[in-house]
Amino acid sequence: MELVFIDIDNTLLDFDEYIRRTMREGFAHFGLKPYEPYMEEIFHRENGKLWRQIEQGTLTFAELERIRWNNVFAALDIDFDGTVFETYFRAALYDSAIPVPGTMELLEALHGKYPLAVASNGPYDQQLHRLELAGMKRYFDWFFISERLGASKPAAAFFDGAFAQLNEGRAAPLPPEKCVIIGDSLTSDMAGGRQYGMKTCYYRRPGAPEGADVTWQVTDLRQIPALLEGSGI
């Protein structure tokens, strides 16, 4: 294995736990109705619709930020300006660094054995800042983030941009089939990596659907080092 790409949100850093905390604290801060667990499901439903549009190239991050919380609040029957809450939400996310269980063990095991690259959809400065806060940035050699690349996973343009940088100064191009992408999203990480010819490792979080057409599937990040070592790739 010549390179390992790793997603950030819900792979390295726990976005779901961040959502729960921010909705609970933010709703109290703005005097909205008290947070209840079902509200997180509504958020993920509405947020997921928008992220699928980003993955398809039909929506920009700026547009998502303008409409996300207005859509969530409409679904929750909350009368509040979603753009105000979005500002609060993004400020809190910038400083959110909640590790997914097993992340540090994964990075410790892979670091030094394989070059590691971040592969993330999101704002560049925010994602790097969160990795730094979590003590994870030092493990990575490359940072491929959609805002800088001008394309989002699963688009081939995202990986074109990443491999263009990886191949600078190399005598021979890095073969995608000698690379693996680790992530929690079937539509973004797994689809993008598979279509680009890479190996794929699906981190199936609790309640997530079964992986289809992936190279490996794990339910614990700590399972991954042994899989890569035994792959013979």
C-alpha atoms as a PDB file:
ATOM      1  CA  MET A   1       0.000   0.000   0.000  1.00  0.00           C
ATOM      2  CA  GLU A   2       1.616   3.238  -1.140  1.00  0.00           C
ATOM      3  CA  LEU A   3      -0.790   5.807   0.350  1.00  0.00           C
ATOM      4  CA  VAL A   4      -3.724   5.891   2.774  1.00  0.00           C
ATOM      5  CA  PHE A   5      -6.434   8.549   2.402  1.00  0.00           C
ATOM      6  CA  ILE A   6      -8.604   9.147   5.484  1.00  0.00           C
ATOM      7  CA  ASP A   7     -11.854  11.113   5.748  1.00  0.00           C
ATOM      8  CA  ILE A   8     -12.361  13.472   8.715  1.00  0.00           C
ATOM      9  CA  ASP A   9     -16.000  13.829   9.786  1.00  0.00           C
ATOM     10  CA  ASN A  10     -17.419  10.717  11.452  1.00  0.00           C
ATOM     11  CA  THR A  11     -14.215   8.857  10.616  1.00  0.00           C
ATOM     12  CA  LEU A  12     -11.544  10.717  12.598  1.00  0.00           C
ATOM     13  CA  LEU A  13     -13.696  13.298  14.384  1.00  0.00           C
ATOM     14  CA  ASP A  14     -17.157  12.579  15.753  1.00  0.00           C
ATOM     15  CA  PHE A  15     -19.509  14.907  13.888  1.00  0.00           C
ATOM     16  CA  ASP A  16     -22.624  13.199  15.267  1.00  0.00           C
ATOM     17  CA  GLU A  17     -21.610  13.860  18.879  1.00  0.00           C
ATOM     18  CA  TYR A  18     -20.806  17.454  17.945  1.00  0.00           C
ATOM     19  CA  ILE A  19     -24.329  17.813  16.508  1.00  0.00           C
ATOM     20  CA  ARG A  20     -25.936  16.520  19.693  1.00  0.00           C
ATOM     21  CA  ARG A  21     -23.938  18.879  21.907  1.00  0.00           C
ATOM     22  CA  THR A  22     -24.400  21.913  19.685  1.00  0.00           C
ATOM     23  CA  MET A  23     -28.138  21.466  19.257  1.00  0.00           C
ATOM     24  CA  ARG A  24     -28.599  20.976  22.998  1.00  0.00           C
ATOM     25  CA  GLU A  25     -26.438  23.961  23.964  1.00  0.00           C
ATOM     26  CA  GLY A  26     -27.448  26.169  21.045  1.00  0.00           C
ATOM     27  CA  PHE A  27     -31.180  25.695  21.506  1.00  0.00           C
ATOM     28  CA  ALA A  28     -30.791  26.635  25.168  1.00  0.00           C
ATOM     29  CA  HIS A  29     -28.590  29.619  24.273  1.00  0.00           C
ATOM     30  CA  PHE A  30     -31.176  31.067  21.874  1.00  0.00           C
ATOM     31  CA  GLY A  31     -34.201  30.156  24.016  1.00  0.00           C
ATOM     32  CA  LEU A  32     -35.614  27.643  21.532  1.00  0.00           C
ATOM     33  CA  LYS A  33     -37.608  24.551  22.429  1.00  0.00           C
ATOM     34  CA  PRO A  34     -35.538  22.073  24.477  1.00  0.00           C
ATOM     35  CA  TYR A  35     -33.443  19.609  22.507  1.00  0.00           C
ATOM     36  CA  GLU A  36     -34.802  16.073  22.186  1.00  0.00           C
ATOM     37  CA  PRO A  37     -33.014  13.114  20.547  1.00  0.00           C
ATOM     38  CA  TYR A  38     -35.416  12.942  17.584  1.00  0.00           C
ATOM     39  CA  MET A  39     -34.222  16.401  16.546  1.00  0.00           C
ATOM     40  CA  GLU A  40     -30.807  15.011  15.643  1.00  0.00           C
ATOM     41  CA  GLU A  41     -32.474  12.625  13.192  1.00  0.00           C
ATOM     42  CA  ILE A  42     -34.263  15.571  11.571  1.00  0.00           C
ATOM     43  CA  PHE A  43     -30.972  17.452  11.273  1.00  0.00           C
ATOM     44  CA  HIS A  44     -29.223  14.509   9.625  1.00  0.00           C
ATOM     45  CA  ARG A  45     -32.114  14.031   7.206  1.00  0.00           C
ATOM     46  CA  GLU A  46     -32.121  17.658   6.080  1.00  0.00           C
ATOM     47  CA  ASN A  47     -28.335  18.040   6.159  1.00  0.00           C
ATOM     48  CA  GLY A  48     -27.916  14.791   4.235  1.00  0.00           C
ATOM     49  CA  LYS A  49     -30.155  16.030   1.422  1.00  0.00           C
ATOM     50  CA  LEU A  50     -27.962  19.101   1.012  1.00  0.00           C
ATOM     51  CA  TRP A  51     -24.680  17.207   1.197  1.00  0.00           C
ATOM     52  CA  ARG A  52     -25.845  14.829  -1.529  1.00  0.00           C
ATOM     53  CA  GLN A  53     -26.401  17.885  -3.709  1.00  0.00           C
ATOM     54  CA  ILE A  54     -22.864  19.052  -2.919  1.00  0.00           C
ATOM     55  CA  GLU A  55     -21.527  15.604  -3.844  1.00  0.00           C
ATOM     56  CA  GLN A  56     -23.460  15.846  -7.125  1.00  0.00           C
ATOM     57  CA  GLY A  57     -22.075  19.315  -7.805  1.00  0.00           C
ATOM     58  CA  THR A  58     -25.500  21.001  -7.775  1.00  0.00           C
ATOM     59  CA  LEU A  59     -25.057  22.997  -4.540  1.00  0.00           C
ATOM     60  CA  THR A  60     -22.221  25.100  -3.120  1.00  0.00           C
ATOM     61  CA  PHE A  61     -21.051  25.304   0.493  1.00  0.00           C
ATOM     62  CA  ALA A  62     -22.198  28.922   0.628  1.00  0.00           C
ATOM     63  CA  GLU A  63     -25.697  27.907  -0.470  1.00  0.00           C
ATOM     64  CA  LEU A  64     -25.773  25.079   2.067  1.00  0.00           C
ATOM     65  CA  GLU A  65     -24.863  27.470   4.858  1.00  0.00           C
ATOM     66  CA  ARG A  66     -27.659  29.861   3.864  1.00  0.00           C
ATOM     67  CA  ILE A  67     -30.425  27.266   3.863  1.00  0.00           C
ATOM     68  CA  ARG A  68     -29.395  24.371   6.128  1.00  0.00           C
ATOM     69  CA  TRP A  69     -30.792  25.521   9.461  1.00  0.00           C
ATOM     70  CA  ASN A  70     -33.812  27.207   7.914  1.00  0.00           C
ATOM     71  CA  ASN A  71     -34.714  23.784   6.486  1.00  0.00           C
ATOM     72  CA  VAL A  72     -34.073  22.066   9.827  1.00  0.00           C
ATOM     73  CA  PHE A  73     -36.101  24.621  11.773  1.00  0.00           C
ATOM     74  CA  ALA A  74     -38.982  24.382   9.296  1.00  0.00           C
ATOM     75  CA  ALA A  75     -39.035  20.602   9.795  1.00  0.00           C
ATOM     76  CA  LEU A  76     -38.952  21.069  13.582  1.00  0.00           C
ATOM     77  CA  ASP A  77     -41.620  23.817  13.528  1.00  0.00           C
ATOM     78  CA  ILE A  78     -39.190  26.279  15.144  1.00  0.00           C
ATOM     79  CA  ASP A  79     -39.602  29.963  14.278  1.00  0.00           C
ATOM     80  CA  PHE A  80     -36.013  31.231  14.265  1.00  0.00           C
ATOM     81  CA  ASP A  81     -33.577  32.674  11.721  1.00  0.00           C
ATOM     82  CA  GLY A  82     -31.531  29.739  10.472  1.00  0.00           C
ATOM     83  CA  THR A  83     -28.685  31.953   9.267  1.00  0.00           C
ATOM     84  CA  VAL A  84     -28.164  33.218  12.820  1.00  0.00           C
ATOM     85  CA  PHE A  85     -27.962  29.662  14.107  1.00  0.00           C
ATOM     86  CA  GLU A  86     -25.657  28.694  11.217  1.00  0.00           C
ATOM     87  CA  THR A  87     -23.172  31.342  12.366  1.00  0.00           C
ATOM     88  CA  TYR A  88     -23.281  29.898  15.887  1.00  0.00           C
ATOM     89  CA  PHE A  89     -23.037  26.361  14.503  1.00  0.00           C
ATOM     90  CA  ARG A  90     -19.987  27.041  12.348  1.00  0.00           C
ATOM     91  CA  ALA A  91     -18.157  28.877  15.128  1.00  0.00           C
ATOM     92  CA  ALA A  92     -18.719  25.905  17.425  1.00  0.00           C
ATOM     93  CA  LEU A  93     -17.681  23.438  14.710  1.00  0.00           C
ATOM     94  CA  TYR A  94     -14.404  25.298  14.147  1.00  0.00           C
ATOM     95  CA  ASP A  95     -13.363  24.391  17.691  1.00  0.00           C
ATOM     96  CA  SER A  96     -14.892  20.907  17.756  1.00  0.00           C
ATOM     97  CA  ALA A  97     -12.351  18.094  18.027  1.00  0.00           C
ATOM     98  CA  ILE A  98     -14.135  15.033  19.440  1.00  0.00           C
ATOM     99  CA  PRO A  99     -12.199  11.906  18.409  1.00  0.00           C
ATOM    100  CA  VAL A 100     -14.019   8.851  17.135  1.00  0.00           C
ATOM    101  CA  PRO A 101     -13.121   5.886  19.395  1.00  0.00           C
ATOM    102  CA  GLY A 102      -9.992   4.144  18.135  1.00  0.00           C
ATOM    103  CA  THR A 103      -8.759   7.061  16.044  1.00  0.00           C
ATOM    104  CA  MET A 104      -5.491   7.646  17.858  1.00  0.00           C
ATOM    105  CA  GLU A 105      -4.693   3.919  17.900  1.00  0.00           C
ATOM    106  CA  LEU A 106      -5.341   3.811  14.142  1.00  0.00           C
ATOM    107  CA  LEU A 107      -3.083   6.770  13.412  1.00  0.00           C
ATOM    108  CA  GLU A 108      -0.316   5.504  15.678  1.00  0.00           C
ATOM    109  CA  ALA A 109      -0.396   2.127  13.932  1.00  0.00           C
ATOM    110  CA  LEU A 110      -0.369   3.555  10.396  1.00  0.00           C
ATOM    111  CA  HIS A 111       2.034   6.452  10.922  1.00  0.00           C
ATOM    112  CA  GLY A 112       5.506   5.597   9.691  1.00  0.00           C
ATOM    113  CA  LYS A 113       4.287   2.565   7.747  1.00  0.00           C
ATOM    114  CA  TYR A 114       2.327   4.426   5.072  1.00  0.00           C
ATOM    115  CA  PRO A 115       2.136   8.036   3.880  1.00  0.00           C
ATOM    116  CA  LEU A 116      -1.157   9.423   5.204  1.00  0.00           C
ATOM    117  CA  ALA A 117      -3.411  11.937   3.469  1.00  0.00           C
ATOM    118  CA  VAL A 118      -6.575  13.665   4.647  1.00  0.00           C
ATOM    119  CA  ALA A 119      -9.445  13.512   2.136  1.00  0.00           C
ATOM    120  CA  SER A 120     -12.289  15.752   3.304  1.00  0.00           C
ATOM    121  CA  ASN A 121     -15.202  17.775   1.989  1.00  0.00           C
ATOM    122  CA  GLY A 122     -15.297  21.064   3.869  1.00  0.00           C
ATOM    123  CA  PRO A 123     -13.580  24.385   4.580  1.00  0.00           C
ATOM    124  CA  TYR A 124      -9.782  24.092   4.532  1.00  0.00           C
ATOM    125  CA  ASP A 125      -8.823  26.188   7.567  1.00  0.00           C
ATOM    126  CA  GLN A 126     -11.609  24.732   9.701  1.00  0.00           C
ATOM    127  CA  GLN A 127     -10.671  21.126   9.003  1.00  0.00           C
ATOM    128  CA  LEU A 128      -6.952  21.662   9.638  1.00  0.00           C
ATOM    129  CA  HIS A 129      -7.685  23.575  12.844  1.00  0.00           C
ATOM    130  CA  ARG A 130      -9.860  20.748  14.149  1.00  0.00           C
ATOM    131  CA  LEU A 131      -7.179  18.156  13.389  1.00  0.00           C
ATOM    132  CA  GLU A 132      -4.629  20.315  15.197  1.00  0.00           C
ATOM    133  CA  LEU A 133      -6.885  20.638  18.249  1.00  0.00           C
ATOM    134  CA  ALA A 134      -7.354  16.869  18.316  1.00  0.00           C
ATOM    135  CA  GLY A 135      -3.603  16.227  18.114  1.00  0.00           C
ATOM    136  CA  MET A 136      -4.012  14.430  14.784  1.00  0.00           C
ATOM    137  CA  LYS A 137      -2.536  16.829  12.242  1.00  0.00           C
ATOM    138  CA  ARG A 138       1.034  15.727  12.916  1.00  0.00           C
ATOM    139  CA  TYR A 139       0.315  12.240  11.584  1.00  0.00           C
ATOM    140  CA  PHE A 140      -0.499  13.429   8.055  1.00  0.00           C
ATOM    141  CA  ASP A 141       1.743  14.156   5.098  1.00  0.00           C
ATOM    142  CA  TRP A 142      -0.951  15.582   2.811  1.00  0.00           C
ATOM    143  CA  PHE A 143      -4.202  17.523   3.268  1.00  0.00           C
ATOM    144  CA  PHE A 144      -6.696  17.276   0.419  1.00  0.00           C
ATOM    145  CA  ILE A 145      -9.775  19.322   1.280  1.00  0.00           C
ATOM    146  CA  SER A 146     -12.527  20.229  -1.148  1.00  0.00           C
ATOM    147  CA  GLU A 147     -12.421  23.987  -0.606  1.00  0.00           C
ATOM    148  CA  ARG A 148      -8.819  24.106  -1.882  1.00  0.00           C
ATOM    149  CA  LEU A 149      -9.264  21.481  -4.598  1.00  0.00           C
ATOM    150  CA  GLY A 150     -12.366  23.127  -6.036  1.00  0.00           C
ATOM    151  CA  ALA A 151     -14.277  19.835  -6.109  1.00  0.00           C
ATOM    152  CA  SER A 152     -15.936  17.541  -3.583  1.00  0.00           C
ATOM    153  CA  LYS A 153     -15.807  13.781  -3.139  1.00  0.00           C
ATOM    154  CA  PRO A 154     -16.927  11.635  -4.940  1.00  0.00           C
ATOM    155  CA  ALA A 155     -16.120  13.695  -8.042  1.00  0.00           C
ATOM    156  CA  ALA A 156     -13.127  12.501 -10.033  1.00  0.00           C
ATOM    157  CA  ALA A 157     -11.940  16.127 -10.045  1.00  0.00           C
ATOM    158  CA  PHE A 158     -11.305  15.880  -6.280  1.00  0.00           C
ATOM    159  CA  PHE A 159      -8.976  12.935  -6.777  1.00  0.00           C
ATOM    160  CA  ASP A 160      -7.469  14.398  -9.960  1.00  0.00           C
ATOM    161  CA  GLY A 161      -6.366  17.370  -7.870  1.00  0.00           C
ATOM    162  CA  ALA A 162      -5.027  15.175  -5.091  1.00  0.00           C
ATOM    163  CA  PHE A 163      -3.040  12.891  -7.386  1.00  0.00           C
ATOM    164  CA  ALA A 164      -1.680  15.854  -9.357  1.00  0.00           C
ATOM    165  CA  GLN A 165      -0.068  17.094  -6.135  1.00  0.00           C
ATOM    166  CA  LEU A 166       1.038  13.623  -5.067  1.00  0.00           C
ATOM    167  CA  ASN A 167       2.724  12.993  -8.423  1.00  0.00           C
ATOM    168  CA  GLU A 168       4.739  16.212  -8.470  1.00  0.00           C
ATOM    169  CA  GLY A 169       8.410  15.253  -8.604  1.00  0.00           C
ATOM    170  CA  ARG A 170       7.739  11.520  -8.809  1.00  0.00           C
ATOM    171  CA  ALA A 171       9.568   9.505 -11.456  1.00  0.00           C
ATOM    172  CA  ALA A 172       6.454   7.367 -11.973  1.00  0.00           C
ATOM    173  CA  PRO A 173       2.831   8.280 -11.194  1.00  0.00           C
ATOM    174  CA  LEU A 174       1.331   6.913  -7.995  1.00  0.00           C
ATOM    175  CA  PRO A 175      -1.060   4.110  -9.034  1.00  0.00           C
ATOM    176  CA  PRO A 176      -4.552   4.538  -7.510  1.00  0.00           C
ATOM    177  CA  GLU A 177      -4.866   0.762  -7.118  1.00  0.00           C
ATOM    178  CA  LYS A 178      -1.986   0.933  -4.622  1.00  0.00           C
ATOM    179  CA  CYS A 179      -3.927   3.430  -2.489  1.00  0.00           C
ATOM    180  CA  VAL A 180      -6.846   3.044  -0.094  1.00  0.00           C
ATOM    181  CA  ILE A 181      -9.450   5.489   1.164  1.00  0.00           C
ATOM    182  CA  ILE A 182     -10.910   5.044   4.659  1.00  0.00           C
ATOM    183  CA  GLY A 183     -14.247   6.699   5.385  1.00  0.00           C
ATOM    184  CA  ASP A 184     -17.783   6.426   6.698  1.00  0.00           C
ATOM    185  CA  SER A 185     -19.695   7.570   3.616  1.00  0.00           C
ATOM    186  CA  LEU A 186     -20.776   5.108   0.942  1.00  0.00           C
ATOM    187  CA  THR A 187     -21.801   7.900  -1.432  1.00  0.00           C
ATOM    188  CA  SER A 188     -18.738  10.101  -0.950  1.00  0.00           C
ATOM    189  CA  ASP A 189     -15.677   8.180   0.257  1.00  0.00           C
ATOM    190  CA  MET A 190     -16.430   4.690  -1.008  1.00  0.00           C
ATOM    191  CA  ALA A 191     -18.033   5.660  -4.319  1.00  0.00           C
ATOM    192  CA  GLY A 192     -15.341   8.216  -5.079  1.00  0.00           C
ATOM    193  CA  GLY A 193     -12.460   5.923  -4.222  1.00  0.00           C
ATOM    194  CA  ARG A 194     -13.914   2.938  -6.081  1.00  0.00           C
ATOM    195  CA  GLN A 195     -14.632   4.945  -9.225  1.00  0.00           C
ATOM    196  CA  TYR A 196     -11.070   6.253  -9.178  1.00  0.00           C
ATOM    197  CA  GLY A 197      -9.630   2.746  -8.967  1.00  0.00           C
ATOM    198  CA  MET A 198      -8.590   2.780  -5.313  1.00  0.00           C
ATOM    199  CA  LYS A 199      -9.117   0.205  -2.614  1.00  0.00           C
ATOM    200  CA  THR A 200     -11.880   1.196  -0.189  1.00  0.00           C
ATOM    201  CA  CYS A 201     -12.271   0.652   3.552  1.00  0.00           C
ATOM    202  CA  TYR A 202     -15.759   1.416   4.845  1.00  0.00           C
ATOM    203  CA  TYR A 203     -16.034   2.412   8.490  1.00  0.00           C
ATOM    204  CA  ARG A 204     -19.577   1.329   9.275  1.00  0.00           C
ATOM    205  CA  ARG A 205     -20.839   3.370  12.191  1.00  0.00           C
ATOM    206  CA  PRO A 206     -23.653   2.106  14.450  1.00  0.00           C
ATOM    207  CA  GLY A 207     -26.923   2.160  12.538  1.00  0.00           C
ATOM    208  CA  ALA A 208     -25.253   2.752   9.169  1.00  0.00           C
ATOM    209  CA  PRO A 209     -26.169   0.597   6.153  1.00  0.00           C
ATOM    210  CA  GLU A 210     -24.172  -2.441   5.151  1.00  0.00           C
ATOM    211  CA  GLY A 211     -21.365  -1.660   2.726  1.00  0.00           C
ATOM    212  CA  ALA A 212     -21.733  -2.877  -0.854  1.00  0.00           C
ATOM    213  CA  ASP A 213     -18.911  -3.102  -3.368  1.00  0.00           C
ATOM    214  CA  VAL A 214     -16.214  -2.077  -0.888  1.00  0.00           C
ATOM    215  CA  THR A 215     -12.830  -3.743  -0.417  1.00  0.00           C
ATOM    216  CA  TRP A 216     -13.093  -3.932   3.369  1.00  0.00           C
ATOM    217  CA  GLN A 217     -15.698  -3.109   5.987  1.00  0.00           C
ATOM    218  CA  VAL A 218     -14.960  -2.482   9.664  1.00  0.00           C
ATOM    219  CA  THR A 219     -16.997  -1.457  12.688  1.00  0.00           C
ATOM    220  CA  ASP A 220     -13.946  -0.397  14.713  1.00  0.00           C
ATOM    221  CA  LEU A 221     -11.104   1.718  13.346  1.00  0.00           C
ATOM    222  CA  ARG A 222      -8.630  -0.423  15.254  1.00  0.00           C
ATOM    223  CA  GLN A 223      -9.403  -3.310  12.883  1.00  0.00           C
ATOM    224  CA  ILE A 224      -7.884  -1.485   9.927  1.00  0.00           C
ATOM    225  CA  PRO A 225      -4.081  -1.801  10.447  1.00  0.00           C
ATOM    226  CA  ALA A 226      -4.213  -5.611  10.395  1.00  0.00           C
ATOM    227  CA  LEU A 227      -6.334  -5.568   7.223  1.00  0.00           C
ATOM    228  CA  LEU A 228      -3.883  -3.327   5.403  1.00  0.00           C
ATOM    229  CA  GLU A 229      -0.884  -5.279   6.605  1.00  0.00           C
ATOM    230  CA  GLY A 230      -2.417  -8.553   5.486  1.00  0.00           C
ATOM    231  CA  SER A 231      -3.575  -7.247   2.110  1.00  0.00           C
ATOM    232  CA  GLY A 232      -0.291  -7.866   0.328  1.00  0.00           C
ATOM    233  CA  ILE A 233      -0.823  -4.687  -1.662  1.00  0.00           C
END
